[in-house]
Amino acid sequence: MRARLVRIGNSRGVRIPKPLLDEAGLTDEVEIHLHDGVLTISAVREPRVGWAAAFAEMAAEGDDALLDEPEATEFDQDEWRW
């Protein structure tokens, strides 16, 4: 898809069609990266968003147990000090 750069004060902008915005999940704030002459625009994502709620739901359903029994390592046996 081709687009024209439009003047925005002393800067330039690109109009992105709504279907592309929706599909990419772009909202009011984006991250822009430049690498080897290529601009990449991506949605801002906060790391670990929703993890607390997911863990709370797992605990409520009893699905937060360890899959394997804890096993002592060499560090635990030789180096760990209380």
PDB file of N, CA and C in Angstrom:
ATOM      1  N   MET A   1       0.841  -1.162   0.000  1.00  0.00           N
ATOM      2  CA  MET A   1       0.000   0.000   0.000  1.00  0.00           C
ATOM      3  C   MET A   1       0.892   1.232   0.000  1.00  0.00           C
ATOM      4  N   ARG A   2       0.541   2.213  -0.801  1.00  0.00           N
ATOM      5  CA  ARG A   2       1.268   3.474  -0.834  1.00  0.00           C
ATOM      6  C   ARG A   2       0.466   4.543  -0.118  1.00  0.00           C
ATOM      7  N   ALA A   3       1.182   5.485   0.465  1.00  0.00           N
ATOM      8  CA  ALA A   3       0.543   6.613   1.133  1.00  0.00           C
ATOM      9  C   ALA A   3       1.420   7.834   0.923  1.00  0.00           C
ATOM     10  N   ARG A   4       0.835   8.992   1.072  1.00  0.00           N
ATOM     11  CA  ARG A   4       1.590  10.241   0.954  1.00  0.00           C
ATOM     12  C   ARG A   4       1.885  10.797   2.341  1.00  0.00           C
ATOM     13  N   LEU A   5       3.045  11.419   2.448  1.00  0.00           N
ATOM     14  CA  LEU A   5       3.371  12.147   3.668  1.00  0.00           C
ATOM     15  C   LEU A   5       2.621  13.470   3.650  1.00  0.00           C
ATOM     16  N   VAL A   6       2.025  13.837   4.780  1.00  0.00           N
ATOM     17  CA  VAL A   6       1.295  15.102   4.883  1.00  0.00           C
ATOM     18  C   VAL A   6       2.005  15.994   5.885  1.00  0.00           C
ATOM     19  N   ARG A   7       1.925  17.281   5.660  1.00  0.00           N
ATOM     20  CA  ARG A   7       2.557  18.246   6.569  1.00  0.00           C
ATOM     21  C   ARG A   7       1.746  18.361   7.854  1.00  0.00           C
ATOM     22  N   ILE A   8       2.485  18.338   8.967  1.00  0.00           N
ATOM     23  CA  ILE A   8       1.906  18.578  10.288  1.00  0.00           C
ATOM     24  C   ILE A   8       2.872  19.532  10.978  1.00  0.00           C
ATOM     25  N   GLY A   9       2.640  20.830  10.816  1.00  0.00           N
ATOM     26  CA  GLY A   9       3.594  21.820  11.325  1.00  0.00           C
ATOM     27  C   GLY A   9       4.905  21.668  10.587  1.00  0.00           C
ATOM     28  N   ASN A  10       6.014  21.546  11.345  1.00  0.00           N
ATOM     29  CA  ASN A  10       7.326  21.339  10.741  1.00  0.00           C
ATOM     30  C   ASN A  10       7.621  19.863  10.507  1.00  0.00           C
ATOM     31  N   SER A  11       6.687  19.000  10.871  1.00  0.00           N
ATOM     32  CA  SER A  11       6.883  17.557  10.734  1.00  0.00           C
ATOM     33  C   SER A  11       6.076  17.019   9.558  1.00  0.00           C
ATOM     34  N   ARG A  12       6.137  15.724   9.381  1.00  0.00           N
ATOM     35  CA  ARG A  12       5.334  15.032   8.376  1.00  0.00           C
ATOM     36  C   ARG A  12       4.638  13.868   9.048  1.00  0.00           C
ATOM     37  N   GLY A  13       3.514  13.469   8.490  1.00  0.00           N
ATOM     38  CA  GLY A  13       2.768  12.342   9.043  1.00  0.00           C
ATOM     39  C   GLY A  13       2.249  11.458   7.932  1.00  0.00           C
ATOM     40  N   VAL A  14       1.795  10.292   8.316  1.00  0.00           N
ATOM     41  CA  VAL A  14       1.216   9.336   7.378  1.00  0.00           C
ATOM     42  C   VAL A  14      -0.183   9.018   7.887  1.00  0.00           C
ATOM     43  N   ARG A  15      -1.156   9.066   6.998  1.00  0.00           N
ATOM     44  CA  ARG A  15      -2.511   8.662   7.365  1.00  0.00           C
ATOM     45  C   ARG A  15      -2.606   7.152   7.195  1.00  0.00           C
ATOM     46  N   ILE A  16      -2.998   6.496   8.271  1.00  0.00           N
ATOM     47  CA  ILE A  16      -3.110   5.037   8.250  1.00  0.00           C
ATOM     48  C   ILE A  16      -4.598   4.691   8.241  1.00  0.00           C
ATOM     49  N   PRO A  17      -5.042   3.918   7.263  1.00  0.00           N
ATOM     50  CA  PRO A  17      -6.460   3.562   7.191  1.00  0.00           C
ATOM     51  C   PRO A  17      -6.937   2.810   8.441  1.00  0.00           C
ATOM     52  N   LYS A  18      -8.170   3.064   8.849  1.00  0.00           N
ATOM     53  CA  LYS A  18      -8.734   2.470  10.054  1.00  0.00           C
ATOM     54  C   LYS A  18      -8.639   0.945  10.078  1.00  0.00           C
ATOM     55  N   PRO A  19      -8.935   0.238   8.983  1.00  0.00           N
ATOM     56  CA  PRO A  19      -8.809  -1.232   9.052  1.00  0.00           C
ATOM     57  C   PRO A  19      -7.396  -1.698   9.429  1.00  0.00           C
ATOM     58  N   LEU A  20      -6.375  -0.986   8.946  1.00  0.00           N
ATOM     59  CA  LEU A  20      -5.003  -1.351   9.318  1.00  0.00           C
ATOM     60  C   LEU A  20      -4.735  -1.045  10.786  1.00  0.00           C
ATOM     61  N   LEU A  21      -5.247   0.089  11.261  1.00  0.00           N
ATOM     62  CA  LEU A  21      -5.085   0.444  12.677  1.00  0.00           C
ATOM     63  C   LEU A  21      -5.713  -0.629  13.563  1.00  0.00           C
ATOM     64  N   ASP A  22      -6.931  -1.032  13.200  1.00  0.00           N
ATOM     65  CA  ASP A  22      -7.640  -2.043  13.988  1.00  0.00           C
ATOM     66  C   ASP A  22      -6.901  -3.371  13.977  1.00  0.00           C
ATOM     67  N   GLU A  23      -6.469  -3.800  12.805  1.00  0.00           N
ATOM     68  CA  GLU A  23      -5.798  -5.096  12.690  1.00  0.00           C
ATOM     69  C   GLU A  23      -4.472  -5.118  13.444  1.00  0.00           C
ATOM     70  N   ALA A  24      -3.762  -3.981  13.432  1.00  0.00           N
ATOM     71  CA  ALA A  24      -2.467  -3.903  14.119  1.00  0.00           C
ATOM     72  C   ALA A  24      -2.620  -3.620  15.609  1.00  0.00           C
ATOM     73  N   GLY A  25      -3.825  -3.262  16.050  1.00  0.00           N
ATOM     74  CA  GLY A  25      -4.036  -2.943  17.460  1.00  0.00           C
ATOM     75  C   GLY A  25      -3.426  -1.622  17.863  1.00  0.00           C
ATOM     76  N   LEU A  26      -3.299  -0.694  16.908  1.00  0.00           N
ATOM     77  CA  LEU A  26      -2.708   0.611  17.203  1.00  0.00           C
ATOM     78  C   LEU A  26      -3.767   1.532  17.796  1.00  0.00           C
ATOM     79  N   THR A  27      -3.388   2.242  18.850  1.00  0.00           N
ATOM     80  CA  THR A  27      -4.289   3.198  19.495  1.00  0.00           C
ATOM     81  C   THR A  27      -3.629   4.569  19.460  1.00  0.00           C
ATOM     82  N   ASP A  28      -3.798   5.354  20.507  1.00  0.00           N
ATOM     83  CA  ASP A  28      -3.262   6.715  20.516  1.00  0.00           C
ATOM     84  C   ASP A  28      -1.748   6.782  20.689  1.00  0.00           C
ATOM     85  N   GLU A  29      -1.162   5.766  21.284  1.00  0.00           N
ATOM     86  CA  GLU A  29       0.279   5.779  21.524  1.00  0.00           C
ATOM     87  C   GLU A  29       0.909   4.566  20.844  1.00  0.00           C
ATOM     88  N   VAL A  30       2.001   4.799  20.121  1.00  0.00           N
ATOM     89  CA  VAL A  30       2.687   3.729  19.397  1.00  0.00           C
ATOM     90  C   VAL A  30       4.185   3.809  19.660  1.00  0.00           C
ATOM     91  N   GLU A  31       4.872   2.747  19.347  1.00  0.00           N
ATOM     92  CA  GLU A  31       6.335   2.744  19.387  1.00  0.00           C
ATOM     93  C   GLU A  31       6.833   2.786  17.955  1.00  0.00           C
ATOM     94  N   ILE A  32       7.827   3.641  17.700  1.00  0.00           N
ATOM     95  CA  ILE A  32       8.402   3.776  16.363  1.00  0.00           C
ATOM     96  C   ILE A  32       9.882   3.444  16.447  1.00  0.00           C
ATOM     97  N   HIS A  33      10.312   2.549  15.586  1.00  0.00           N
ATOM     98  CA  HIS A  33      11.721   2.148  15.544  1.00  0.00           C
ATOM     99  C   HIS A  33      12.251   2.344  14.132  1.00  0.00           C
ATOM    100  N   LEU A  34      13.521   2.693  14.022  1.00  0.00           N
ATOM    101  CA  LEU A  34      14.193   2.826  12.740  1.00  0.00           C
ATOM    102  C   LEU A  34      15.370   1.867  12.717  1.00  0.00           C
ATOM    103  N   HIS A  35      15.409   1.020  11.683  1.00  0.00           N
ATOM    104  CA  HIS A  35      16.517   0.074  11.545  1.00  0.00           C
ATOM    105  C   HIS A  35      16.805  -0.102  10.056  1.00  0.00           C
ATOM    106  N   ASP A  36      18.017   0.217   9.665  1.00  0.00           N
ATOM    107  CA  ASP A  36      18.440   0.086   8.265  1.00  0.00           C
ATOM    108  C   ASP A  36      17.494   0.798   7.302  1.00  0.00           C
ATOM    109  N   GLY A  37      17.076   2.005   7.683  1.00  0.00           N
ATOM    110  CA  GLY A  37      16.222   2.805   6.806  1.00  0.00           C
ATOM    111  C   GLY A  37      14.766   2.380   6.771  1.00  0.00           C
ATOM    112  N   VAL A  38      14.367   1.476   7.664  1.00  0.00           N
ATOM    113  CA  VAL A  38      12.982   1.005   7.705  1.00  0.00           C
ATOM    114  C   VAL A  38      12.341   1.460   9.011  1.00  0.00           C
ATOM    115  N   LEU A  39      11.222   2.177   8.901  1.00  0.00           N
ATOM    116  CA  LEU A  39      10.452   2.575  10.074  1.00  0.00           C
ATOM    117  C   LEU A  39       9.467   1.471  10.408  1.00  0.00           C
ATOM    118  N   THR A  40       9.405   1.128  11.678  1.00  0.00           N
ATOM    119  CA  THR A  40       8.439   0.140  12.145  1.00  0.00           C
ATOM    120  C   THR A  40       7.580   0.798  13.200  1.00  0.00           C
ATOM    121  N   ILE A  41       6.276   0.719  13.032  1.00  0.00           N
ATOM    122  CA  ILE A  41       5.327   1.267  14.000  1.00  0.00           C
ATOM    123  C   ILE A  41       4.616   0.094  14.646  1.00  0.00           C
ATOM    124  N   SER A  42       4.638   0.028  15.965  1.00  0.00           N
ATOM    125  CA  SER A  42       3.974  -1.076  16.655  1.00  0.00           C
ATOM    126  C   SER A  42       3.192  -0.554  17.851  1.00  0.00           C
ATOM    127  N   ALA A  43       2.225  -1.352  18.279  1.00  0.00           N
ATOM    128  CA  ALA A  43       1.413  -0.987  19.432  1.00  0.00           C
ATOM    129  C   ALA A  43       2.279  -0.990  20.689  1.00  0.00           C
ATOM    130  N   VAL A  44       1.985  -0.075  21.593  1.00  0.00           N
ATOM    131  CA  VAL A  44       2.676  -0.035  22.876  1.00  0.00           C
ATOM    132  C   VAL A  44       2.082  -1.145  23.733  1.00  0.00           C
ATOM    133  N   ARG A  45       2.927  -2.004  24.209  1.00  0.00           N
ATOM    134  CA  ARG A  45       2.469  -3.099  25.056  1.00  0.00           C
ATOM    135  C   ARG A  45       3.227  -3.020  26.381  1.00  0.00           C
ATOM    136  N   GLU A  46       2.477  -3.035  27.443  1.00  0.00           N
ATOM    137  CA  GLU A  46       3.097  -3.047  28.764  1.00  0.00           C
ATOM    138  C   GLU A  46       3.470  -4.491  29.088  1.00  0.00           C
ATOM    139  N   PRO A  47       4.687  -4.716  29.554  1.00  0.00           N
ATOM    140  CA  PRO A  47       5.071  -6.086  29.880  1.00  0.00           C
ATOM    141  C   PRO A  47       4.217  -6.641  31.014  1.00  0.00           C
ATOM    142  N   ARG A  48       3.810  -7.864  30.860  1.00  0.00           N
ATOM    143  CA  ARG A  48       3.084  -8.620  31.882  1.00  0.00           C
ATOM    144  C   ARG A  48       1.706  -8.056  32.214  1.00  0.00           C
ATOM    145  N   VAL A  49       1.093  -7.322  31.284  1.00  0.00           N
ATOM    146  CA  VAL A  49      -0.255  -6.809  31.513  1.00  0.00           C
ATOM    147  C   VAL A  49      -1.199  -7.989  31.667  1.00  0.00           C
ATOM    148  N   GLY A  50      -1.998  -7.965  32.706  1.00  0.00           N
ATOM    149  CA  GLY A  50      -2.987  -9.007  32.928  1.00  0.00           C
ATOM    150  C   GLY A  50      -2.475 -10.227  33.680  1.00  0.00           C
ATOM    151  N   TRP A  51      -1.194 -10.270  33.970  1.00  0.00           N
ATOM    152  CA  TRP A  51      -0.638 -11.433  34.651  1.00  0.00           C
ATOM    153  C   TRP A  51      -1.241 -11.594  36.044  1.00  0.00           C
ATOM    154  N   ALA A  52      -1.377 -10.509  36.799  1.00  0.00           N
ATOM    155  CA  ALA A  52      -1.891 -10.599  38.167  1.00  0.00           C
ATOM    156  C   ALA A  52      -3.291 -11.201  38.168  1.00  0.00           C
ATOM    157  N   ALA A  53      -4.142 -10.748  37.260  1.00  0.00           N
ATOM    158  CA  ALA A  53      -5.506 -11.277  37.175  1.00  0.00           C
ATOM    159  C   ALA A  53      -5.488 -12.755  36.772  1.00  0.00           C
ATOM    160  N   ALA A  54      -4.612 -13.105  35.839  1.00  0.00           N
ATOM    161  CA  ALA A  54      -4.516 -14.500  35.405  1.00  0.00           C
ATOM    162  C   ALA A  54      -4.049 -15.395  36.548  1.00  0.00           C
ATOM    163  N   PHE A  55      -3.078 -14.932  37.333  1.00  0.00           N
ATOM    164  CA  PHE A  55      -2.587 -15.723  38.462  1.00  0.00           C
ATOM    165  C   PHE A  55      -3.661 -15.852  39.540  1.00  0.00           C
ATOM    166  N   ALA A  56      -4.408 -14.776  39.783  1.00  0.00           N
ATOM    167  CA  ALA A  56      -5.488 -14.832  40.767  1.00  0.00           C
ATOM    168  C   ALA A  56      -6.551 -15.836  40.330  1.00  0.00           C
ATOM    169  N   GLU A  57      -6.868 -15.862  39.057  1.00  0.00           N
ATOM    170  CA  GLU A  57      -7.850 -16.817  38.535  1.00  0.00           C
ATOM    171  C   GLU A  57      -7.327 -18.247  38.664  1.00  0.00           C
ATOM    172  N   MET A  58      -6.041 -18.447  38.379  1.00  0.00           N
ATOM    173  CA  MET A  58      -5.449 -19.778  38.532  1.00  0.00           C
ATOM    174  C   MET A  58      -5.532 -20.239  39.987  1.00  0.00           C
ATOM    175  N   ALA A  59      -5.227 -19.339  40.926  1.00  0.00           N
ATOM    176  CA  ALA A  59      -5.271 -19.689  42.343  1.00  0.00           C
ATOM    177  C   ALA A  59      -6.699 -20.026  42.762  1.00  0.00           C
ATOM    178  N   ALA A  60      -7.663 -19.261  42.273  1.00  0.00           N
ATOM    179  CA  ALA A  60      -9.066 -19.501  42.616  1.00  0.00           C
ATOM    180  C   ALA A  60      -9.529 -20.861  42.105  1.00  0.00           C
ATOM    181  N   GLU A  61      -8.980 -21.306  40.984  1.00  0.00           N
ATOM    182  CA  GLU A  61      -9.363 -22.589  40.400  1.00  0.00           C
ATOM    183  C   GLU A  61      -8.472 -23.737  40.877  1.00  0.00           C
ATOM    184  N   GLY A  62      -7.509 -23.418  41.762  1.00  0.00           N
ATOM    185  CA  GLY A  62      -6.602 -24.448  42.260  1.00  0.00           C
ATOM    186  C   GLY A  62      -5.613 -24.926  41.219  1.00  0.00           C
ATOM    187  N   ASP A  63      -5.343 -24.092  40.239  1.00  0.00           N
ATOM    188  CA  ASP A  63      -4.462 -24.473  39.147  1.00  0.00           C
ATOM    189  C   ASP A  63      -3.102 -23.789  39.270  1.00  0.00           C
ATOM    190  N   ASP A  64      -2.673 -23.526  40.492  1.00  0.00           N
ATOM    191  CA  ASP A  64      -1.407 -22.834  40.685  1.00  0.00           C
ATOM    192  C   ASP A  64      -0.368 -23.698  41.398  1.00  0.00           C
ATOM    193  N   ALA A  65      -0.556 -25.004  41.397  1.00  0.00           N
ATOM    194  CA  ALA A  65       0.401 -25.909  42.044  1.00  0.00           C
ATOM    195  C   ALA A  65       1.584 -26.158  41.116  1.00  0.00           C
ATOM    196  N   LEU A  66       2.713 -26.495  41.717  1.00  0.00           N
ATOM    197  CA  LEU A  66       3.889 -26.841  40.929  1.00  0.00           C
ATOM    198  C   LEU A  66       3.631 -28.125  40.155  1.00  0.00           C
ATOM    199  N   LEU A  67       4.149 -28.201  38.942  1.00  0.00           N
ATOM    200  CA  LEU A  67       3.975 -29.402  38.133  1.00  0.00           C
ATOM    201  C   LEU A  67       4.916 -30.517  38.585  1.00  0.00           C
ATOM    202  N   ASP A  68       6.097 -30.133  39.048  1.00  0.00           N
ATOM    203  CA  ASP A  68       7.087 -31.103  39.513  1.00  0.00           C
ATOM    204  C   ASP A  68       7.435 -30.789  40.959  1.00  0.00           C
ATOM    205  N   GLU A  69       7.828 -31.814  41.681  1.00  0.00           N
ATOM    206  CA  GLU A  69       8.269 -31.622  43.057  1.00  0.00           C
ATOM    207  C   GLU A  69       9.577 -30.837  43.065  1.00  0.00           C
ATOM    208  N   PRO A  70       9.763 -29.946  44.041  1.00  0.00           N
ATOM    209  CA  PRO A  70      11.040 -29.221  44.127  1.00  0.00           C
ATOM    210  C   PRO A  70      12.186 -30.209  44.338  1.00  0.00           C
ATOM    211  N   GLU A  71      13.283 -29.927  43.708  1.00  0.00           N
ATOM    212  CA  GLU A  71      14.438 -30.813  43.793  1.00  0.00           C
ATOM    213  C   GLU A  71      15.660 -29.982  44.150  1.00  0.00           C
ATOM    214  N   ALA A  72      16.391 -30.417  45.166  1.00  0.00           N
ATOM    215  CA  ALA A  72      17.583 -29.683  45.583  1.00  0.00           C
ATOM    216  C   ALA A  72      18.640 -29.740  44.491  1.00  0.00           C
ATOM    217  N   THR A  73      19.318 -28.613  44.323  1.00  0.00           N
ATOM    218  CA  THR A  73      20.393 -28.545  43.344  1.00  0.00           C
ATOM    219  C   THR A  73      21.733 -28.537  44.067  1.00  0.00           C
ATOM    220  N   GLU A  74      22.794 -28.578  43.295  1.00  0.00           N
ATOM    221  CA  GLU A  74      24.135 -28.514  43.880  1.00  0.00           C
ATOM    222  C   GLU A  74      24.323 -27.201  44.638  1.00  0.00           C
ATOM    223  N   PHE A  75      23.763 -26.129  44.124  1.00  0.00           N
ATOM    224  CA  PHE A  75      23.849 -24.838  44.810  1.00  0.00           C
ATOM    225  C   PHE A  75      23.181 -24.934  46.177  1.00  0.00           C
ATOM    226  N   ASP A  76      21.993 -25.540  46.223  1.00  0.00           N
ATOM    227  CA  ASP A  76      21.280 -25.667  47.492  1.00  0.00           C
ATOM    228  C   ASP A  76      22.100 -26.460  48.504  1.00  0.00           C
ATOM    229  N   GLN A  77      22.759 -27.499  48.058  1.00  0.00           N
ATOM    230  CA  GLN A  77      23.483 -28.385  48.956  1.00  0.00           C
ATOM    231  C   GLN A  77      24.837 -27.814  49.393  1.00  0.00           C
ATOM    232  N   ASP A  78      25.539 -27.146  48.482  1.00  0.00           N
ATOM    233  CA  ASP A  78      26.914 -26.745  48.751  1.00  0.00           C
ATOM    234  C   ASP A  78      27.093 -25.270  49.086  1.00  0.00           C
ATOM    235  N   GLU A  79      26.317 -24.411  48.491  1.00  0.00           N
ATOM    236  CA  GLU A  79      26.606 -22.979  48.594  1.00  0.00           C
ATOM    237  C   GLU A  79      25.601 -22.180  49.408  1.00  0.00           C
ATOM    238  N   TRP A  80      24.389 -22.660  49.525  1.00  0.00           N
ATOM    239  CA  TRP A  80      23.367 -21.880  50.211  1.00  0.00           C
ATOM    240  C   TRP A  80      23.620 -21.842  51.708  1.00  0.00           C
ATOM    241  N   ARG A  81      23.574 -20.645  52.269  1.00  0.00           N
ATOM    242  CA  ARG A  81      23.785 -20.475  53.718  1.00  0.00           C
ATOM    243  C   ARG A  81      22.614 -19.679  54.275  1.00  0.00           C
ATOM    244  N   TRP A  82      22.144 -20.073  55.457  1.00  0.00           N
ATOM    245  CA  TRP A  82      21.065 -19.330  56.116  1.00  0.00           C
ATOM    246  C   TRP A  82      21.608 -18.140  56.766  1.00  0.00           C
TER     247      TRP A  82
END
